[in-house]
Amino acid sequence: MIGRITQLSYGRLCGVIRSSDRQTIFFHARDLEGARYNDLKVGGSVSFELIDDQVSGPRAASIRVTPPAKRGFPPAPAVQSPG
């Protein structure tokens, strides 16, 4: 799934993501991959997996920061250099 960070709680190292289908989803810093919590920004774009935590309900996992797509253009494909 993809979404945007709508809230960060620095004291608790958690936040909220609004998914592209308008769900509000909790996340914790331990679920970040390839990014540090303190580098996140409200409004930042992320990709993630949605899991159903038996204790707390829906939660984002495997969260990765994604570059924002330019308006009107799809994201460019990855290019591998020869060699």
Protein backbone atom coordinates (compact mmCIF):
# COMPACT_ATOMS: atom_id res chain seq x y z
CA MET A 1 0.00 0.00 0.00
CA ILE A 2 1.00 3.63 -0.30
CA GLY A 3 0.13 6.63 1.82
CA ARG A 4 1.28 9.84 3.46
CA ILE A 5 2.38 10.51 7.02
CA THR A 6 -0.24 12.69 8.71
CA GLN A 7 1.02 12.71 12.29
CA LEU A 8 4.27 12.09 14.17
CA SER A 9 4.60 11.68 17.94
CA TYR A 10 8.31 12.10 18.63
CA GLY A 11 8.07 11.30 22.34
CA ARG A 12 6.47 7.91 21.61
CA LEU A 13 8.26 7.14 18.30
CA CYS A 14 4.99 6.46 16.50
CA GLY A 15 2.70 8.13 14.02
CA VAL A 16 -0.24 7.89 11.68
CA ILE A 17 -0.38 7.22 7.93
CA ARG A 18 -3.33 8.07 5.69
CA SER A 19 -3.47 5.41 2.97
CA SER A 20 -4.41 6.06 -0.64
CA ASP A 21 -7.83 4.50 0.08
CA ARG A 22 -8.28 6.97 3.00
CA GLN A 23 -7.69 4.57 5.90
CA THR A 24 -6.02 5.99 9.01
CA ILE A 25 -3.27 3.57 10.05
CA PHE A 26 -1.01 3.58 13.14
CA PHE A 27 2.73 2.87 12.84
CA HIS A 28 5.67 2.53 15.19
CA ALA A 29 9.32 3.44 14.50
CA ARG A 30 10.36 -0.23 14.86
CA ASP A 31 8.45 -0.95 11.61
CA LEU A 32 10.59 1.41 9.49
CA GLU A 33 12.93 -0.06 6.87
CA GLY A 34 15.82 1.98 5.50
CA ALA A 35 14.85 5.20 7.28
CA ARG A 36 15.25 6.78 10.68
CA TYR A 37 12.21 8.02 12.59
CA ASN A 38 13.73 11.47 13.16
CA ASP A 39 14.14 11.92 9.39
CA LEU A 40 10.40 11.45 8.69
CA LYS A 41 8.26 14.45 7.75
CA VAL A 42 4.52 15.01 7.98
CA GLY A 43 3.24 14.82 4.41
CA GLY A 44 6.01 12.43 3.39
CA SER A 45 5.10 9.58 1.06
CA VAL A 46 5.58 5.98 2.23
CA SER A 47 4.89 2.44 1.11
CA PHE A 48 3.95 -0.21 3.64
CA GLU A 49 2.23 -3.50 4.37
CA LEU A 50 -1.00 -3.47 6.34
CA ILE A 51 -1.21 -6.02 9.14
CA ASP A 52 -4.00 -6.74 11.60
CA ASP A 53 -2.42 -6.67 15.05
CA GLN A 54 -4.59 -8.74 17.42
CA VAL A 55 -3.95 -6.29 20.27
CA SER A 56 -4.02 -2.84 18.66
CA GLY A 57 -5.85 -3.37 15.36
CA PRO A 58 -4.62 -2.37 11.88
CA ARG A 59 -0.97 -1.32 11.81
CA ALA A 60 1.56 -0.44 9.13
CA ALA A 61 4.67 -2.66 8.84
CA SER A 62 7.68 -2.76 6.51
CA ILE A 63 7.42 1.01 6.04
CA ARG A 64 9.67 2.58 3.41
CA VAL A 65 9.97 6.26 2.51
CA THR A 66 9.19 6.78 -1.18
CA PRO A 67 10.02 9.78 -3.33
CA PRO A 68 6.96 11.85 -4.23
CA ALA A 69 5.73 11.29 -7.78
CA LYS A 70 5.68 14.35 -9.99
CA ARG A 71 2.16 15.47 -10.75
CA GLY A 72 0.94 14.04 -14.05
CA PHE A 73 3.88 11.70 -14.50
CA PRO A 74 4.22 8.10 -13.29
CA PRO A 75 7.35 7.22 -11.30
CA ALA A 76 10.38 6.54 -13.50
CA PRO A 77 11.43 2.88 -13.77
CA ALA A 78 14.64 1.81 -12.08
CA VAL A 79 17.60 1.64 -14.43
CA GLN A 80 20.54 -0.70 -13.87
CA SER A 81 23.93 0.33 -15.13
CA PRO A 82 25.70 -2.22 -17.35
CA GLY A 83 28.59 -4.04 -15.96
